[in-house]
Amino acid sequence: MELVSIGMVHSPYRDKSAAPFQGRYSEERAALEIYPQFVDALKDIDKAEYLIVFYWCHQAQRDILQTKTPHGPDVRGVFACRSPNRPNPIAFCAAKLLGREGNRLLVQGVDAVDGSPLLDIKPYSSKLDSIENVPFRGDKFAK
């Protein structure tokens, strides 16, 4: 298996401690730089209002299998939470597409640290990407 970086995230967050808990609650803007060999893949990207951005958490610890979360005192396995520290630190966020300038996408709502390798981008669709009323049991956001 081989992953190829398609670009790089340019964000105001210099390290993990500066990044927001969830990007969707942030007003900060970021740029997704797409490498020249992948620019053709941006055709029609401006038709999307939101993007699902997949990136590599390059500052994550890959040997952690259990961690505490902000949702309570319990320790969870990393496959049962969204910690960036995990064997394969792949993360994603839904970001608002503000515009395109050549090979750069201007977005809002990214929680990636500056310099994070960009793995993939997909258009967000509320019909395909959202399942209503499905909380994680024990999550403080569960209703």
N, C-alpha and C. Protein backbone atom coordinates (compact mmCIF):
# COMPACT_ATOMS: atom_id res chain seq x y z
N MET A 1 0.85 -1.17 0.00
CA MET A 1 0.00 0.00 0.00
C MET A 1 0.89 1.23 0.00
N GLU A 2 0.51 2.20 -0.81
CA GLU A 2 1.28 3.43 -0.87
C GLU A 2 0.33 4.62 -0.95
N LEU A 3 0.47 5.55 -0.02
CA LEU A 3 -0.28 6.80 -0.06
C LEU A 3 0.58 7.85 -0.74
N VAL A 4 -0.06 8.69 -1.52
CA VAL A 4 0.63 9.78 -2.19
C VAL A 4 0.02 11.09 -1.72
N SER A 5 0.84 11.99 -1.27
CA SER A 5 0.36 13.31 -0.87
C SER A 5 0.00 14.10 -2.13
N ILE A 6 -1.21 14.67 -2.14
CA ILE A 6 -1.65 15.46 -3.29
C ILE A 6 -1.40 16.95 -3.10
N GLY A 7 -0.93 17.31 -1.91
CA GLY A 7 -0.69 18.72 -1.62
C GLY A 7 -0.37 18.93 -0.16
N MET A 8 -0.54 20.17 0.28
CA MET A 8 -0.19 20.52 1.65
C MET A 8 -1.21 21.51 2.20
N VAL A 9 -1.49 21.39 3.49
CA VAL A 9 -2.38 22.31 4.19
C VAL A 9 -1.55 23.48 4.71
N HIS A 10 -2.00 24.68 4.45
CA HIS A 10 -1.40 25.89 5.01
C HIS A 10 -2.44 26.50 5.94
N SER A 11 -2.18 26.38 7.24
CA SER A 11 -3.14 26.86 8.24
C SER A 11 -2.41 27.75 9.25
N PRO A 12 -3.17 28.47 10.08
CA PRO A 12 -2.55 29.31 11.11
C PRO A 12 -2.05 28.52 12.32
N TYR A 13 -2.27 27.21 12.34
CA TYR A 13 -1.93 26.40 13.51
C TYR A 13 -0.53 25.81 13.35
N ARG A 14 0.40 26.24 14.17
CA ARG A 14 1.80 25.81 14.06
C ARG A 14 2.06 24.46 14.70
N ASP A 15 1.23 24.07 15.67
CA ASP A 15 1.39 22.76 16.30
C ASP A 15 0.03 22.28 16.79
N LYS A 16 0.01 21.03 17.28
CA LYS A 16 -1.25 20.41 17.71
C LYS A 16 -1.98 21.23 18.77
N SER A 17 -1.22 21.84 19.68
CA SER A 17 -1.85 22.58 20.77
C SER A 17 -2.58 23.83 20.29
N ALA A 18 -2.21 24.35 19.13
CA ALA A 18 -2.85 25.56 18.60
C ALA A 18 -4.10 25.24 17.78
N ALA A 19 -4.23 24.00 17.34
CA ALA A 19 -5.37 23.62 16.48
C ALA A 19 -6.65 23.52 17.31
N PRO A 20 -7.78 23.85 16.70
CA PRO A 20 -9.05 23.76 17.44
C PRO A 20 -9.47 22.31 17.68
N PHE A 21 -10.31 22.13 18.68
CA PHE A 21 -10.85 20.81 19.01
C PHE A 21 -11.55 20.20 17.80
N GLN A 22 -12.36 20.99 17.13
CA GLN A 22 -13.02 20.59 15.89
C GLN A 22 -12.98 21.79 14.94
N GLY A 23 -12.51 21.57 13.74
CA GLY A 23 -12.37 22.66 12.78
C GLY A 23 -13.68 23.34 12.42
N ARG A 24 -14.77 22.61 12.44
CA ARG A 24 -16.05 23.19 12.03
C ARG A 24 -16.50 24.33 12.93
N TYR A 25 -15.93 24.43 14.12
CA TYR A 25 -16.30 25.51 15.04
C TYR A 25 -15.33 26.69 14.95
N SER A 26 -14.42 26.65 14.01
CA SER A 26 -13.41 27.69 13.87
C SER A 26 -13.75 28.62 12.70
N GLU A 27 -13.48 29.89 12.89
CA GLU A 27 -13.66 30.90 11.83
C GLU A 27 -12.38 31.09 11.02
N GLU A 28 -11.29 30.45 11.45
CA GLU A 28 -10.00 30.63 10.78
C GLU A 28 -10.05 30.10 9.35
N ARG A 29 -9.25 30.73 8.51
CA ARG A 29 -9.15 30.31 7.12
C ARG A 29 -7.83 29.61 6.88
N ALA A 30 -7.84 28.74 5.88
CA ALA A 30 -6.63 28.00 5.52
C ALA A 30 -6.61 27.86 4.01
N ALA A 31 -5.47 27.45 3.50
CA ALA A 31 -5.32 27.19 2.06
C ALA A 31 -4.88 25.75 1.87
N LEU A 32 -5.49 25.10 0.91
CA LEU A 32 -5.09 23.75 0.52
C LEU A 32 -4.32 23.89 -0.78
N GLU A 33 -3.02 23.69 -0.70
CA GLU A 33 -2.17 23.77 -1.89
C GLU A 33 -2.16 22.42 -2.58
N ILE A 34 -2.57 22.39 -3.83
CA ILE A 34 -2.57 21.15 -4.61
C ILE A 34 -1.33 21.14 -5.48
N TYR A 35 -0.58 20.05 -5.43
CA TYR A 35 0.64 19.95 -6.23
C TYR A 35 0.30 19.98 -7.72
N PRO A 36 1.20 20.55 -8.54
CA PRO A 36 0.92 20.75 -9.97
C PRO A 36 0.42 19.51 -10.71
N GLN A 37 0.95 18.34 -10.41
CA GLN A 37 0.55 17.13 -11.13
C GLN A 37 -0.88 16.71 -10.84
N PHE A 38 -1.53 17.33 -9.83
CA PHE A 38 -2.89 16.98 -9.47
C PHE A 38 -3.90 18.09 -9.74
N VAL A 39 -3.46 19.20 -10.31
CA VAL A 39 -4.35 20.34 -10.53
C VAL A 39 -5.55 19.99 -11.41
N ASP A 40 -5.36 19.13 -12.39
CA ASP A 40 -6.48 18.75 -13.26
C ASP A 40 -7.62 18.09 -12.48
N ALA A 41 -7.31 17.52 -11.33
CA ALA A 41 -8.33 16.87 -10.50
C ALA A 41 -9.25 17.90 -9.83
N LEU A 42 -8.91 19.18 -9.92
CA LEU A 42 -9.74 20.23 -9.33
C LEU A 42 -10.88 20.67 -10.25
N LYS A 43 -10.95 20.12 -11.45
CA LYS A 43 -12.02 20.51 -12.38
C LYS A 43 -13.39 20.38 -11.70
N ASP A 44 -14.17 21.43 -11.73
CA ASP A 44 -15.53 21.52 -11.17
C ASP A 44 -15.58 21.54 -9.65
N ILE A 45 -14.44 21.68 -8.98
CA ILE A 45 -14.43 21.71 -7.51
C ILE A 45 -15.25 22.89 -6.99
N ASP A 46 -15.32 23.97 -7.77
CA ASP A 46 -16.05 25.16 -7.33
C ASP A 46 -17.56 24.92 -7.28
N LYS A 47 -18.04 23.79 -7.75
CA LYS A 47 -19.47 23.46 -7.65
C LYS A 47 -19.82 22.96 -6.25
N ALA A 48 -18.82 22.64 -5.46
CA ALA A 48 -19.05 22.17 -4.09
C ALA A 48 -19.03 23.35 -3.13
N GLU A 49 -19.96 23.36 -2.19
CA GLU A 49 -19.95 24.40 -1.16
C GLU A 49 -19.06 23.97 0.01
N TYR A 50 -19.08 22.68 0.31
CA TYR A 50 -18.24 22.12 1.37
C TYR A 50 -17.43 20.97 0.81
N LEU A 51 -16.27 20.76 1.40
CA LEU A 51 -15.37 19.69 1.00
C LEU A 51 -15.06 18.81 2.19
N ILE A 52 -14.88 17.53 1.95
CA ILE A 52 -14.31 16.65 2.97
C ILE A 52 -12.82 16.60 2.66
N VAL A 53 -12.03 17.04 3.62
CA VAL A 53 -10.58 17.15 3.45
C VAL A 53 -9.92 16.06 4.28
N PHE A 54 -9.15 15.20 3.62
CA PHE A 54 -8.42 14.13 4.30
C PHE A 54 -6.95 14.54 4.35
N TYR A 55 -6.36 14.43 5.53
CA TYR A 55 -4.97 14.82 5.68
C TYR A 55 -4.26 13.91 6.68
N TRP A 56 -2.94 13.98 6.66
CA TRP A 56 -2.09 13.17 7.52
C TRP A 56 -1.65 14.02 8.70
N CYS A 57 -1.90 13.54 9.91
CA CYS A 57 -1.50 14.26 11.12
C CYS A 57 -0.02 14.00 11.38
N HIS A 58 0.82 14.78 10.75
CA HIS A 58 2.27 14.52 10.76
C HIS A 58 2.92 14.75 12.11
N GLN A 59 2.23 15.40 13.04
CA GLN A 59 2.79 15.59 14.38
C GLN A 59 2.22 14.59 15.39
N ALA A 60 1.44 13.65 14.93
CA ALA A 60 0.80 12.68 15.82
C ALA A 60 1.79 11.62 16.29
N GLN A 61 1.44 11.01 17.43
CA GLN A 61 2.19 9.87 17.94
C GLN A 61 1.50 8.61 17.43
N ARG A 62 2.25 7.75 16.75
CA ARG A 62 1.65 6.59 16.09
C ARG A 62 1.66 5.33 16.95
N ASP A 63 2.24 5.40 18.14
CA ASP A 63 2.32 4.21 18.99
C ASP A 63 1.27 4.20 20.10
N ILE A 64 0.37 5.15 20.11
CA ILE A 64 -0.66 5.23 21.14
C ILE A 64 -1.90 4.46 20.68
N LEU A 65 -2.37 3.55 21.54
CA LEU A 65 -3.55 2.74 21.21
C LEU A 65 -4.77 3.08 22.06
N GLN A 66 -4.54 3.74 23.20
CA GLN A 66 -5.64 4.15 24.07
C GLN A 66 -5.36 5.56 24.56
N THR A 67 -6.45 6.32 24.78
CA THR A 67 -6.28 7.71 25.20
C THR A 67 -7.52 8.21 25.91
N LYS A 68 -7.36 9.27 26.69
CA LYS A 68 -8.50 9.98 27.26
C LYS A 68 -9.01 10.95 26.21
N THR A 69 -10.30 11.21 26.25
CA THR A 69 -10.89 12.15 25.30
C THR A 69 -11.45 13.35 26.06
N PRO A 70 -11.78 14.42 25.37
CA PRO A 70 -12.39 15.57 26.03
C PRO A 70 -13.82 15.30 26.51
N HIS A 71 -14.36 14.12 26.18
CA HIS A 71 -15.75 13.82 26.49
C HIS A 71 -15.96 13.18 27.86
N GLY A 72 -14.91 12.98 28.62
CA GLY A 72 -15.07 12.38 29.93
C GLY A 72 -13.79 11.74 30.41
N PRO A 73 -13.82 11.17 31.60
CA PRO A 73 -12.61 10.64 32.22
C PRO A 73 -12.18 9.26 31.71
N ASP A 74 -13.04 8.59 30.98
CA ASP A 74 -12.74 7.22 30.56
C ASP A 74 -11.65 7.18 29.49
N VAL A 75 -10.86 6.11 29.55
CA VAL A 75 -9.86 5.85 28.52
C VAL A 75 -10.54 5.01 27.44
N ARG A 76 -10.33 5.41 26.19
CA ARG A 76 -10.92 4.69 25.05
C ARG A 76 -9.82 4.22 24.12
N GLY A 77 -10.11 3.19 23.36
CA GLY A 77 -9.22 2.80 22.28
C GLY A 77 -9.27 3.86 21.20
N VAL A 78 -8.16 4.07 20.50
CA VAL A 78 -8.13 5.14 19.51
C VAL A 78 -9.10 4.89 18.35
N PHE A 79 -9.51 3.65 18.14
CA PHE A 79 -10.49 3.39 17.08
C PHE A 79 -11.91 3.75 17.53
N ALA A 80 -12.07 4.09 18.81
CA ALA A 80 -13.37 4.49 19.36
C ALA A 80 -13.40 5.98 19.67
N CYS A 81 -12.45 6.72 19.14
CA CYS A 81 -12.42 8.17 19.35
C CYS A 81 -11.77 8.84 18.14
N ARG A 82 -11.65 10.14 18.20
CA ARG A 82 -11.12 10.89 17.05
C ARG A 82 -9.76 11.49 17.32
N SER A 83 -9.04 10.93 18.24
CA SER A 83 -7.70 11.42 18.55
C SER A 83 -6.81 11.36 17.31
N PRO A 84 -5.97 12.37 17.09
CA PRO A 84 -5.02 12.30 15.98
C PRO A 84 -3.91 11.28 16.23
N ASN A 85 -3.69 10.94 17.50
CA ASN A 85 -2.66 9.96 17.85
C ASN A 85 -3.23 8.56 17.64
N ARG A 86 -2.69 7.84 16.64
CA ARG A 86 -3.20 6.53 16.25
C ARG A 86 -2.21 5.89 15.30
N PRO A 87 -2.30 4.58 15.05
CA PRO A 87 -1.32 3.93 14.18
C PRO A 87 -1.19 4.57 12.79
N ASN A 88 -2.30 4.93 12.18
CA ASN A 88 -2.29 5.64 10.89
C ASN A 88 -3.04 6.95 11.09
N PRO A 89 -2.33 8.03 11.35
CA PRO A 89 -2.98 9.28 11.74
C PRO A 89 -3.63 10.03 10.56
N ILE A 90 -4.66 9.38 10.00
CA ILE A 90 -5.44 10.00 8.93
C ILE A 90 -6.60 10.74 9.59
N ALA A 91 -6.78 11.99 9.22
CA ALA A 91 -7.87 12.79 9.77
C ALA A 91 -8.68 13.37 8.62
N PHE A 92 -9.87 13.81 8.96
CA PHE A 92 -10.69 14.48 7.97
C PHE A 92 -11.51 15.57 8.64
N CYS A 93 -11.93 16.52 7.85
CA CYS A 93 -12.83 17.56 8.33
C CYS A 93 -13.69 18.01 7.16
N ALA A 94 -14.84 18.56 7.49
CA ALA A 94 -15.70 19.17 6.48
C ALA A 94 -15.41 20.66 6.50
N ALA A 95 -14.91 21.17 5.39
CA ALA A 95 -14.49 22.57 5.32
C ALA A 95 -15.31 23.31 4.28
N LYS A 96 -15.60 24.56 4.57
CA LYS A 96 -16.33 25.39 3.62
C LYS A 96 -15.37 25.89 2.56
N LEU A 97 -15.71 25.70 1.30
CA LEU A 97 -14.89 26.19 0.19
C LEU A 97 -15.22 27.66 -0.03
N LEU A 98 -14.24 28.52 0.18
CA LEU A 98 -14.43 29.96 0.01
C LEU A 98 -14.04 30.42 -1.38
N GLY A 99 -13.14 29.69 -2.02
CA GLY A 99 -12.73 30.07 -3.36
C GLY A 99 -11.52 29.28 -3.82
N ARG A 100 -11.18 29.51 -5.07
CA ARG A 100 -10.02 28.85 -5.67
C ARG A 100 -9.15 29.89 -6.32
N GLU A 101 -7.86 29.78 -6.09
CA GLU A 101 -6.86 30.63 -6.74
C GLU A 101 -5.81 29.71 -7.35
N GLY A 102 -6.01 29.34 -8.60
CA GLY A 102 -5.08 28.44 -9.27
C GLY A 102 -5.07 27.07 -8.62
N ASN A 103 -3.92 26.71 -8.04
CA ASN A 103 -3.79 25.40 -7.39
C ASN A 103 -4.06 25.45 -5.89
N ARG A 104 -4.64 26.56 -5.42
CA ARG A 104 -4.93 26.71 -3.99
C ARG A 104 -6.43 26.85 -3.76
N LEU A 105 -6.92 26.07 -2.81
CA LEU A 105 -8.31 26.17 -2.40
C LEU A 105 -8.34 26.91 -1.07
N LEU A 106 -9.12 27.96 -0.99
CA LEU A 106 -9.27 28.72 0.25
C LEU A 106 -10.47 28.15 0.99
N VAL A 107 -10.25 27.75 2.24
CA VAL A 107 -11.29 27.06 3.00
C VAL A 107 -11.40 27.62 4.41
N GLN A 108 -12.52 27.30 5.03
CA GLN A 108 -12.75 27.64 6.44
C GLN A 108 -13.23 26.38 7.14
N GLY A 109 -12.72 26.14 8.36
CA GLY A 109 -13.17 24.99 9.13
C GLY A 109 -12.19 23.84 9.17
N VAL A 110 -10.95 24.08 8.77
CA VAL A 110 -9.92 23.04 8.83
C VAL A 110 -9.25 23.07 10.19
N ASP A 111 -8.98 21.91 10.76
CA ASP A 111 -8.29 21.85 12.04
C ASP A 111 -6.88 21.27 11.90
N ALA A 112 -6.38 21.18 10.69
CA ALA A 112 -5.05 20.61 10.43
C ALA A 112 -3.94 21.58 10.79
N VAL A 113 -2.85 21.04 11.28
CA VAL A 113 -1.66 21.82 11.59
C VAL A 113 -0.99 22.24 10.27
N ASP A 114 -0.41 23.42 10.27
CA ASP A 114 0.29 23.92 9.09
C ASP A 114 1.34 22.91 8.62
N GLY A 115 1.35 22.65 7.34
CA GLY A 115 2.30 21.70 6.77
C GLY A 115 1.81 20.27 6.71
N SER A 116 0.57 20.03 7.14
CA SER A 116 0.03 18.66 7.09
C SER A 116 -0.09 18.21 5.64
N PRO A 117 0.38 17.00 5.33
CA PRO A 117 0.21 16.47 3.97
C PRO A 117 -1.27 16.25 3.66
N LEU A 118 -1.68 16.68 2.51
CA LEU A 118 -3.05 16.54 2.04
C LEU A 118 -3.17 15.20 1.30
N LEU A 119 -4.15 14.37 1.71
CA LEU A 119 -4.30 13.03 1.13
C LEU A 119 -5.39 12.94 0.08
N ASP A 120 -6.49 13.65 0.29
CA ASP A 120 -7.60 13.57 -0.66
C ASP A 120 -8.60 14.68 -0.35
N ILE A 121 -9.43 14.97 -1.33
CA ILE A 121 -10.52 15.94 -1.19
C ILE A 121 -11.73 15.34 -1.90
N LYS A 122 -12.88 15.44 -1.25
CA LYS A 122 -14.12 14.98 -1.86
C LYS A 122 -15.19 16.03 -1.59
N PRO A 123 -16.15 16.19 -2.50
CA PRO A 123 -17.24 17.12 -2.22
C PRO A 123 -18.12 16.55 -1.11
N TYR A 124 -18.54 17.41 -0.20
CA TYR A 124 -19.45 17.00 0.87
C TYR A 124 -20.88 17.01 0.34
N SER A 125 -21.64 15.99 0.68
CA SER A 125 -23.06 15.91 0.32
C SER A 125 -23.85 15.53 1.57
N SER A 126 -24.77 16.39 1.98
CA SER A 126 -25.56 16.07 3.17
C SER A 126 -26.42 14.82 2.96
N LYS A 127 -26.75 14.51 1.72
CA LYS A 127 -27.54 13.31 1.45
C LYS A 127 -26.71 12.04 1.57
N LEU A 128 -25.44 12.13 1.24
CA LEU A 128 -24.57 10.95 1.27
C LEU A 128 -23.74 10.84 2.55
N ASP A 129 -23.35 11.97 3.12
CA ASP A 129 -22.35 11.98 4.18
C ASP A 129 -22.91 12.23 5.58
N SER A 130 -24.22 12.29 5.73
CA SER A 130 -24.81 12.58 7.02
C SER A 130 -25.87 11.54 7.36
N ILE A 131 -25.78 11.02 8.56
CA ILE A 131 -26.80 10.12 9.09
C ILE A 131 -27.38 10.82 10.30
N GLU A 132 -28.65 11.14 10.26
CA GLU A 132 -29.26 11.93 11.32
C GLU A 132 -29.44 11.13 12.61
N ASN A 133 -29.28 11.85 13.72
CA ASN A 133 -29.59 11.32 15.06
C ASN A 133 -28.87 10.02 15.39
N VAL A 134 -27.57 9.97 15.12
CA VAL A 134 -26.79 8.79 15.45
C VAL A 134 -25.62 9.20 16.35
N PRO A 135 -25.89 9.43 17.64
CA PRO A 135 -24.80 9.82 18.53
C PRO A 135 -23.95 8.61 18.94
N PHE A 136 -22.73 8.88 19.35
CA PHE A 136 -21.87 7.85 19.92
C PHE A 136 -22.29 7.71 21.38
N ARG A 137 -22.66 6.53 21.79
CA ARG A 137 -23.11 6.34 23.17
C ARG A 137 -22.02 6.74 24.15
N GLY A 138 -22.38 7.56 25.10
CA GLY A 138 -21.42 8.03 26.08
C GLY A 138 -20.76 9.34 25.70
N ASP A 139 -20.99 9.81 24.52
CA ASP A 139 -20.43 11.07 24.05
C ASP A 139 -21.16 12.22 24.72
N LYS A 140 -20.44 13.24 25.16
CA LYS A 140 -21.10 14.36 25.82
C LYS A 140 -22.03 15.11 24.88
N PHE A 141 -21.87 14.91 23.56
CA PHE A 141 -22.74 15.57 22.60
C PHE A 141 -23.99 14.75 22.30
N ALA A 142 -24.07 13.54 22.86
CA ALA A 142 -25.24 12.68 22.62
C ALA A 142 -26.47 13.31 23.24
N LYS A 143 -27.58 13.15 22.58
CA LYS A 143 -28.83 13.74 23.10
C LYS A 143 -29.75 12.65 23.57
